PDB file of N, CA and C in Angstrom:
ATOM      1  N   MET A   1      19.685  -8.049 -65.097  1.00  0.00           N
ATOM      2  CA  MET A   1      19.192  -8.723 -66.291  1.00  0.00           C
ATOM      3  C   MET A   1      20.350  -8.805 -67.291  1.00  0.00           C
ATOM      4  N   SER A   2      20.600 -10.003 -67.747  1.00  0.00           N
ATOM      5  CA  SER A   2      21.696 -10.150 -68.703  1.00  0.00           C
ATOM      6  C   SER A   2      21.200  -9.864 -70.109  1.00  0.00           C
ATOM      7  N   ASN A   3      22.125  -9.601 -70.997  1.00  0.00           N
ATOM      8  CA  ASN A   3      21.786  -9.333 -72.390  1.00  0.00           C
ATOM      9  C   ASN A   3      21.899 -10.578 -73.255  1.00  0.00           C
ATOM     10  N   ILE A   4      21.941 -11.747 -72.625  1.00  0.00           N
ATOM     11  CA  ILE A   4      22.050 -12.994 -73.373  1.00  0.00           C
ATOM     12  C   ILE A   4      20.785 -13.175 -74.198  1.00  0.00           C
ATOM     13  N   LEU A   5      20.968 -13.398 -75.483  1.00  0.00           N
ATOM     14  CA  LEU A   5      19.835 -13.597 -76.376  1.00  0.00           C
ATOM     15  C   LEU A   5      19.415 -15.052 -76.338  1.00  0.00           C
ATOM     16  N   THR A   6      18.119 -15.270 -76.236  1.00  0.00           N
ATOM     17  CA  THR A   6      17.609 -16.626 -76.325  1.00  0.00           C
ATOM     18  C   THR A   6      16.908 -16.758 -77.656  1.00  0.00           C
ATOM     19  N   LYS A   7      16.918 -17.963 -78.193  1.00  0.00           N
ATOM     20  CA  LYS A   7      16.300 -18.181 -79.487  1.00  0.00           C
ATOM     21  C   LYS A   7      15.241 -19.258 -79.326  1.00  0.00           C
ATOM     22  N   GLN A   8      14.007 -18.901 -79.615  1.00  0.00           N
ATOM     23  CA  GLN A   8      12.902 -19.841 -79.556  1.00  0.00           C
ATOM     24  C   GLN A   8      12.053 -19.653 -80.788  1.00  0.00           C
ATOM     25  N   SER A   9      11.526 -20.739 -81.304  1.00  0.00           N
ATOM     26  CA  SER A   9      10.655 -20.661 -82.468  1.00  0.00           C
ATOM     27  C   SER A   9       9.212 -20.823 -82.030  1.00  0.00           C
ATOM     28  N   MET A  10       8.334 -20.014 -82.600  1.00  0.00           N
ATOM     29  CA  MET A  10       6.895 -20.102 -82.340  1.00  0.00           C
ATOM     30  C   MET A  10       6.195 -20.077 -83.692  1.00  0.00           C
ATOM     31  N   ARG A  11       5.044 -20.697 -83.749  1.00  0.00           N
ATOM     32  CA  ARG A  11       4.288 -20.765 -84.998  1.00  0.00           C
ATOM     33  C   ARG A  11       3.216 -19.668 -85.001  1.00  0.00           C
ATOM     34  N   ILE A  12       3.051 -18.994 -86.124  1.00  0.00           N
ATOM     35  CA  ILE A  12       2.007 -17.975 -86.284  1.00  0.00           C
ATOM     36  C   ILE A  12       0.698 -18.698 -86.602  1.00  0.00           C
ATOM     37  N   THR A  13      -0.389 -18.288 -85.921  1.00  0.00           N
ATOM     38  CA  THR A  13      -1.695 -18.907 -86.160  1.00  0.00           C
ATOM     39  C   THR A  13      -2.316 -18.352 -87.437  1.00  0.00           C
ATOM     40  N   SER A  14      -3.434 -18.960 -87.853  1.00  0.00           N
ATOM     41  CA  SER A  14      -4.130 -18.491 -89.057  1.00  0.00           C
ATOM     42  C   SER A  14      -4.658 -17.071 -88.882  1.00  0.00           C
ATOM     43  N   LYS A  15      -4.773 -16.608 -87.632  1.00  0.00           N
ATOM     44  CA  LYS A  15      -5.236 -15.241 -87.356  1.00  0.00           C
ATOM     45  C   LYS A  15      -4.056 -14.263 -87.229  1.00  0.00           C
ATOM     46  N   GLY A  16      -2.846 -14.740 -87.496  1.00  0.00           N
ATOM     47  CA  GLY A  16      -1.679 -13.866 -87.413  1.00  0.00           C
ATOM     48  C   GLY A  16      -1.171 -13.675 -86.001  1.00  0.00           C
ATOM     49  N   GLN A  17      -1.580 -14.521 -85.075  1.00  0.00           N
ATOM     50  CA  GLN A  17      -1.170 -14.389 -83.681  1.00  0.00           C
ATOM     51  C   GLN A  17       0.023 -15.285 -83.394  1.00  0.00           C
ATOM     52  N   VAL A  18       0.840 -14.848 -82.445  1.00  0.00           N
ATOM     53  CA  VAL A  18       1.982 -15.643 -82.009  1.00  0.00           C
ATOM     54  C   VAL A  18       2.092 -15.504 -80.492  1.00  0.00           C
ATOM     55  N   THR A  19       2.458 -16.574 -79.826  1.00  0.00           N
ATOM     56  CA  THR A  19       2.630 -16.533 -78.377  1.00  0.00           C
ATOM     57  C   THR A  19       4.035 -16.059 -78.061  1.00  0.00           C
ATOM     58  N   ILE A  20       4.143 -15.045 -77.212  1.00  0.00           N
ATOM     59  CA  ILE A  20       5.456 -14.578 -76.766  1.00  0.00           C
ATOM     60  C   ILE A  20       5.871 -15.504 -75.624  1.00  0.00           C
ATOM     61  N   PRO A  21       7.025 -16.144 -75.745  1.00  0.00           N
ATOM     62  CA  PRO A  21       7.444 -17.084 -74.702  1.00  0.00           C
ATOM     63  C   PRO A  21       7.464 -16.438 -73.311  1.00  0.00           C
ATOM     64  N   LEU A  22       7.129 -17.238 -72.300  1.00  0.00           N
ATOM     65  CA  LEU A  22       7.053 -16.759 -70.921  1.00  0.00           C
ATOM     66  C   LEU A  22       8.344 -16.072 -70.494  1.00  0.00           C
ATOM     67  N   GLU A  23       9.501 -16.656 -70.814  1.00  0.00           N
ATOM     68  CA  GLU A  23      10.783 -16.071 -70.423  1.00  0.00           C
ATOM     69  C   GLU A  23      10.925 -14.647 -70.965  1.00  0.00           C
ATOM     70  N   VAL A  24      10.514 -14.427 -72.201  1.00  0.00           N
ATOM     71  CA  VAL A  24      10.597 -13.102 -72.822  1.00  0.00           C
ATOM     72  C   VAL A  24       9.621 -12.150 -72.135  1.00  0.00           C
ATOM     73  N   ARG A  25       8.391 -12.606 -71.909  1.00  0.00           N
ATOM     74  CA  ARG A  25       7.397 -11.749 -71.233  1.00  0.00           C
ATOM     75  C   ARG A  25       7.877 -11.346 -69.854  1.00  0.00           C
ATOM     76  N   GLN A  26       8.460 -12.275 -69.121  1.00  0.00           N
ATOM     77  CA  GLN A  26       8.943 -11.961 -67.776  1.00  0.00           C
ATOM     78  C   GLN A  26      10.120 -10.999 -67.815  1.00  0.00           C
ATOM     79  N   ARG A  27      11.082 -11.234 -68.724  1.00  0.00           N
ATOM     80  CA  ARG A  27      12.260 -10.358 -68.798  1.00  0.00           C
ATOM     81  C   ARG A  27      11.895  -8.931 -69.151  1.00  0.00           C
ATOM     82  N   LEU A  28      10.849  -8.765 -69.985  1.00  0.00           N
ATOM     83  CA  LEU A  28      10.464  -7.421 -70.435  1.00  0.00           C
ATOM     84  C   LEU A  28       9.244  -6.873 -69.713  1.00  0.00           C
ATOM     85  N   SER A  29       8.746  -7.605 -68.722  1.00  0.00           N
ATOM     86  CA  SER A  29       7.545  -7.202 -67.966  1.00  0.00           C
ATOM     87  C   SER A  29       6.379  -6.937 -68.906  1.00  0.00           C
ATOM     88  N   LEU A  30       6.156  -7.846 -69.834  1.00  0.00           N
ATOM     89  CA  LEU A  30       5.043  -7.722 -70.774  1.00  0.00           C
ATOM     90  C   LEU A  30       3.824  -8.397 -70.161  1.00  0.00           C
ATOM     91  N   LEU A  31       2.992  -7.599 -69.530  1.00  0.00           N
ATOM     92  CA  LEU A  31       1.791  -8.094 -68.869  1.00  0.00           C
ATOM     93  C   LEU A  31       0.608  -8.020 -69.828  1.00  0.00           C
ATOM     94  N   PRO A  32      -0.473  -8.747 -69.555  1.00  0.00           N
ATOM     95  CA  PRO A  32      -1.668  -8.621 -70.400  1.00  0.00           C
ATOM     96  C   PRO A  32      -2.100  -7.163 -70.488  1.00  0.00           C
ATOM     97  N   GLY A  33      -2.385  -6.712 -71.689  1.00  0.00           N
ATOM     98  CA  GLY A  33      -2.797  -5.321 -71.905  1.00  0.00           C
ATOM     99  C   GLY A  33      -1.638  -4.387 -72.218  1.00  0.00           C
ATOM    100  N   THR A  34      -0.395  -4.866 -72.104  1.00  0.00           N
ATOM    101  CA  THR A  34       0.767  -4.037 -72.423  1.00  0.00           C
ATOM    102  C   THR A  34       0.783  -3.750 -73.921  1.00  0.00           C
ATOM    103  N   GLU A  35       0.937  -2.494 -74.279  1.00  0.00           N
ATOM    104  CA  GLU A  35       1.028  -2.121 -75.686  1.00  0.00           C
ATOM    105  C   GLU A  35       2.463  -2.316 -76.160  1.00  0.00           C
ATOM    106  N   VAL A  36       2.611  -2.856 -77.367  1.00  0.00           N
ATOM    107  CA  VAL A  36       3.929  -3.097 -77.934  1.00  0.00           C
ATOM    108  C   VAL A  36       4.023  -2.461 -79.314  1.00  0.00           C
ATOM    109  N   GLU A  37       5.251  -2.233 -79.756  1.00  0.00           N
ATOM    110  CA  GLU A  37       5.518  -1.680 -81.084  1.00  0.00           C
ATOM    111  C   GLU A  37       6.292  -2.710 -81.888  1.00  0.00           C
ATOM    112  N   PHE A  38       6.034  -2.755 -83.184  1.00  0.00           N
ATOM    113  CA  PHE A  38       6.783  -3.606 -84.098  1.00  0.00           C
ATOM    114  C   PHE A  38       7.575  -2.704 -85.033  1.00  0.00           C
ATOM    115  N   THR A  39       8.854  -2.988 -85.182  1.00  0.00           N
ATOM    116  CA  THR A  39       9.702  -2.267 -86.118  1.00  0.00           C
ATOM    117  C   THR A  39      10.326  -3.295 -87.055  1.00  0.00           C
ATOM    118  N   VAL A  40      10.217  -3.058 -88.349  1.00  0.00           N
ATOM    119  CA  VAL A  40      10.790  -3.980 -89.336  1.00  0.00           C
ATOM    120  C   VAL A  40      12.129  -3.425 -89.790  1.00  0.00           C
ATOM    121  N   LYS A  41      13.176  -4.241 -89.666  1.00  0.00           N
ATOM    122  CA  LYS A  41      14.520  -3.880 -90.127  1.00  0.00           C
ATOM    123  C   LYS A  41      14.995  -5.002 -91.024  1.00  0.00           C
ATOM    124  N   GLY A  42      14.979  -4.740 -92.311  1.00  0.00           N
ATOM    125  CA  GLY A  42      15.367  -5.779 -93.259  1.00  0.00           C
ATOM    126  C   GLY A  42      14.410  -6.951 -93.167  1.00  0.00           C
ATOM    127  N   ARG A  43      14.934  -8.117 -92.833  1.00  0.00           N
ATOM    128  CA  ARG A  43      14.100  -9.312 -92.693  1.00  0.00           C
ATOM    129  C   ARG A  43      13.828  -9.644 -91.239  1.00  0.00           C
ATOM    130  N   SER A  44      14.092  -8.694 -90.341  1.00  0.00           N
ATOM    131  CA  SER A  44      13.887  -8.903 -88.904  1.00  0.00           C
ATOM    132  C   SER A  44      12.785  -8.001 -88.386  1.00  0.00           C
ATOM    133  N   VAL A  45      12.166  -8.431 -87.302  1.00  0.00           N
ATOM    134  CA  VAL A  45      11.142  -7.634 -86.628  1.00  0.00           C
ATOM    135  C   VAL A  45      11.595  -7.419 -85.197  1.00  0.00           C
ATOM    136  N   ILE A  46      11.535  -6.176 -84.755  1.00  0.00           N
ATOM    137  CA  ILE A  46      11.886  -5.843 -83.383  1.00  0.00           C
ATOM    138  C   ILE A  46      10.583  -5.550 -82.644  1.00  0.00           C
ATOM    139  N   LEU A  47      10.399  -6.210 -81.516  1.00  0.00           N
ATOM    140  CA  LEU A  47       9.219  -6.016 -80.672  1.00  0.00           C
ATOM    141  C   LEU A  47       9.683  -5.325 -79.403  1.00  0.00           C
ATOM    142  N   LYS A  48       9.023  -4.218 -79.036  1.00  0.00           N
ATOM    143  CA  LYS A  48       9.369  -3.545 -77.781  1.00  0.00           C
ATOM    144  C   LYS A  48       8.124  -2.927 -77.185  1.00  0.00           C
ATOM    145  N   LYS A  49       8.209  -2.623 -75.896  1.00  0.00           N
ATOM    146  CA  LYS A  49       7.104  -1.945 -75.230  1.00  0.00           C
ATOM    147  C   LYS A  49       6.895  -0.594 -75.884  1.00  0.00           C
ATOM    148  N   ALA A  50       5.621  -0.211 -76.053  1.00  0.00           N
ATOM    149  CA  ALA A  50       5.321   1.106 -76.610  1.00  0.00           C
ATOM    150  C   ALA A  50       5.723   2.175 -75.595  1.00  0.00           C
ATOM    151  N   ASP A  51       6.155   3.313 -76.106  1.00  0.00           N
ATOM    152  CA  ASP A  51       6.496   4.430 -75.220  1.00  0.00           C
ATOM    153  C   ASP A  51       5.271   4.836 -74.433  1.00  0.00           C
ATOM    154  N   LYS A  52       5.454   5.103 -73.146  1.00  0.00           N
ATOM    155  CA  LYS A  52       4.328   5.478 -72.291  1.00  0.00           C
ATOM    156  C   LYS A  52       3.625   6.731 -72.792  1.00  0.00           C
ATOM    157  N   SER A  53       4.386   7.641 -73.383  1.00  0.00           N
ATOM    158  CA  SER A  53       3.802   8.912 -73.805  1.00  0.00           C
ATOM    159  C   SER A  53       2.873   8.760 -75.009  1.00  0.00           C
ATOM    160  N   MET A  54       3.027   7.670 -75.771  1.00  0.00           N
ATOM    161  CA  MET A  54       2.198   7.531 -76.961  1.00  0.00           C
ATOM    162  C   MET A  54       1.404   6.220 -76.960  1.00  0.00           C
ATOM    163  N   ARG A  55       0.891   5.837 -75.825  1.00  0.00           N
ATOM    164  CA  ARG A  55       0.048   4.657 -75.785  1.00  0.00           C
ATOM    165  C   ARG A  55      -1.245   4.942 -76.520  1.00  0.00           C
ATOM    166  N   ARG A  56      -1.994   3.911 -76.776  1.00  0.00           N
ATOM    167  CA  ARG A  56      -3.184   3.988 -77.630  1.00  0.00           C
ATOM    168  C   ARG A  56      -4.137   5.111 -77.222  1.00  0.00           C
ATOM    169  N   GLY A  57      -4.477   5.197 -75.959  1.00  0.00           N
ATOM    170  CA  GLY A  57      -5.411   6.224 -75.500  1.00  0.00           C
ATOM    171  C   GLY A  57      -4.920   7.629 -75.783  1.00  0.00           C
ATOM    172  N   ARG A  58      -3.664   7.869 -75.500  1.00  0.00           N
ATOM    173  CA  ARG A  58      -3.086   9.197 -75.746  1.00  0.00           C
ATOM    174  C   ARG A  58      -3.036   9.506 -77.240  1.00  0.00           C
ATOM    175  N   ARG A  59      -2.713   8.476 -78.073  1.00  0.00           N
ATOM    176  CA  ARG A  59      -2.685   8.689 -79.521  1.00  0.00           C
ATOM    177  C   ARG A  59      -4.074   9.029 -80.040  1.00  0.00           C
ATOM    178  N   LEU A  60      -5.097   8.330 -79.538  1.00  0.00           N
ATOM    179  CA  LEU A  60      -6.463   8.601 -79.976  1.00  0.00           C
ATOM    180  C   LEU A  60      -6.894  10.006 -79.578  1.00  0.00           C
ATOM    181  N   LEU A  61      -6.600  10.382 -78.347  1.00  0.00           N
ATOM    182  CA  LEU A  61      -6.963  11.731 -77.900  1.00  0.00           C
ATOM    183  C   LEU A  61      -6.231  12.798 -78.714  1.00  0.00           C
ATOM    184  N   ALA A  62      -4.960  12.570 -78.976  1.00  0.00           N
ATOM    185  CA  ALA A  62      -4.188  13.534 -79.767  1.00  0.00           C
ATOM    186  C   ALA A  62      -4.770  13.665 -81.169  1.00  0.00           C
ATOM    187  N   ALA A  63      -5.193  12.540 -81.749  1.00  0.00           N
ATOM    188  CA  ALA A  63      -5.760  12.576 -83.102  1.00  0.00           C
ATOM    189  C   ALA A  63      -7.106  13.289 -83.122  1.00  0.00           C
ATOM    190  N   MET A  64      -7.886  13.184 -82.053  1.00  0.00           N
ATOM    191  CA  MET A  64      -9.219  13.792 -82.013  1.00  0.00           C
ATOM    192  C   MET A  64      -9.206  15.247 -81.562  1.00  0.00           C
ATOM    193  N   ARG A  65      -8.140  15.647 -80.879  1.00  0.00           N
ATOM    194  CA  ARG A  65      -8.073  17.003 -80.328  1.00  0.00           C
ATOM    195  C   ARG A  65      -8.287  18.047 -81.422  1.00  0.00           C
ATOM    196  N   GLY A  66      -9.236  18.935 -81.201  1.00  0.00           N
ATOM    197  CA  GLY A  66      -9.510  20.012 -82.140  1.00  0.00           C
ATOM    198  C   GLY A  66     -10.410  19.638 -83.304  1.00  0.00           C
ATOM    199  N   LYS A  67     -10.930  18.427 -83.325  1.00  0.00           N
ATOM    200  CA  LYS A  67     -11.739  17.967 -84.453  1.00  0.00           C
ATOM    201  C   LYS A  67     -13.237  18.245 -84.258  1.00  0.00           C
ATOM    202  N   ALA A  68     -13.660  18.407 -83.041  1.00  0.00           N
ATOM    203  CA  ALA A  68     -15.093  18.601 -82.770  1.00  0.00           C
ATOM    204  C   ALA A  68     -15.524  20.029 -83.095  1.00  0.00           C
ATOM    205  N   SER A  69     -16.783  20.164 -83.452  1.00  0.00           N
ATOM    206  CA  SER A  69     -17.331  21.506 -83.661  1.00  0.00           C
ATOM    207  C   SER A  69     -18.326  21.778 -82.540  1.00  0.00           C
ATOM    208  N   SER A  70     -18.693  23.007 -82.374  1.00  0.00           N
ATOM    209  CA  SER A  70     -19.610  23.370 -81.292  1.00  0.00           C
ATOM    210  C   SER A  70     -21.033  23.563 -81.811  1.00  0.00           C
ATOM    211  N   ARG A  71     -21.339  22.979 -82.972  1.00  0.00           N
ATOM    212  CA  ARG A  71     -22.672  23.157 -83.541  1.00  0.00           C
ATOM    213  C   ARG A  71     -23.744  22.438 -82.737  1.00  0.00           C
ATOM    214  N   LEU A  72     -23.402  21.322 -82.103  1.00  0.00           N
ATOM    215  CA  LEU A  72     -24.384  20.572 -81.324  1.00  0.00           C
ATOM    216  C   LEU A  72     -24.024  20.615 -79.848  1.00  0.00           C
ATOM    217  N   SER A  73     -25.047  20.632 -79.002  1.00  0.00           N
ATOM    218  CA  SER A  73     -24.810  20.571 -77.564  1.00  0.00           C
ATOM    219  C   SER A  73     -24.550  19.115 -77.169  1.00  0.00           C
ATOM    220  N   THR A  74     -24.063  18.921 -75.972  1.00  0.00           N
ATOM    221  CA  THR A  74     -23.824  17.567 -75.478  1.00  0.00           C
ATOM    222  C   THR A  74     -25.109  16.759 -75.474  1.00  0.00           C
ATOM    223  N   ASP A  75     -26.211  17.367 -75.031  1.00  0.00           N
ATOM    224  CA  ASP A  75     -27.510  16.662 -75.015  1.00  0.00           C
ATOM    225  C   ASP A  75     -27.936  16.250 -76.426  1.00  0.00           C
ATOM    226  N   GLU A  76     -27.703  17.122 -77.408  1.00  0.00           N
ATOM    227  CA  GLU A  76     -28.057  16.798 -78.792  1.00  0.00           C
ATOM    228  C   GLU A  76     -27.207  15.645 -79.321  1.00  0.00           C
ATOM    229  N   ILE A  77     -25.928  15.644 -78.995  1.00  0.00           N
ATOM    230  CA  ILE A  77     -25.050  14.562 -79.422  1.00  0.00           C
ATOM    231  C   ILE A  77     -25.472  13.248 -78.790  1.00  0.00           C
ATOM    232  N   LEU A  78     -25.752  13.269 -77.479  1.00  0.00           N
ATOM    233  CA  LEU A  78     -26.196  12.049 -76.784  1.00  0.00           C
ATOM    234  C   LEU A  78     -27.513  11.549 -77.356  1.00  0.00           C
ATOM    235  N   SER A  79     -28.386  12.444 -77.681  1.00  0.00           N
ATOM    236  CA  SER A  79     -29.677  12.062 -78.270  1.00  0.00           C
ATOM    237  C   SER A  79     -29.466  11.369 -79.607  1.00  0.00           C
ATOM    238  N   LEU A  80     -28.564  11.896 -80.421  1.00  0.00           N
ATOM    239  CA  LEU A  80     -28.263  11.265 -81.715  1.00  0.00           C
ATOM    240  C   LEU A  80     -27.647   9.871 -81.522  1.00  0.00           C
ATOM    241  N   MET A  81     -26.770   9.762 -80.549  1.00  0.00           N
ATOM    242  CA  MET A  81     -26.115   8.481 -80.296  1.00  0.00           C
ATOM    243  C   MET A  81     -27.093   7.433 -79.787  1.00  0.00           C
ATOM    244  N   ARG A  82     -28.073   7.863 -79.002  1.00  0.00           N
ATOM    245  CA  ARG A  82     -29.052   6.931 -78.428  1.00  0.00           C
ATOM    246  C   ARG A  82     -30.171   6.614 -79.399  1.00  0.00           C
ATOM    247  N   GLY A  83     -30.273   7.390 -80.459  1.00  0.00           N
ATOM    248  CA  GLY A  83     -31.344   7.166 -81.431  1.00  0.00           C
ATOM    249  C   GLY A  83     -32.677   7.725 -80.980  1.00  0.00           C
ATOM    250  N   ASP A  84     -32.665   8.714 -80.088  1.00  0.00           N
ATOM    251  CA  ASP A  84     -33.917   9.327 -79.595  1.00  0.00           C
ATOM    252  C   ASP A  84     -34.613  10.133 -80.691  1.00  0.00           C
TER     253      ASP A  84
END
């Protein structure tokens, strides 16, 4: 893979979405569902694949770890969630 930079312009939609050009997706193996990170440096934005160790699921689990209390049993929690 060469380090040649390509320059393409894309328009941001009213929902803040932008299409990543196919060439860029292929070069970086950005498949549907791939998590990415945005870093702002001055007036530039750097887009890169998120580190595998801190993908969304792992971040959520890390944030929730140790937050639960043992006051309710699993059955009681499920009952509350189901509205029983």
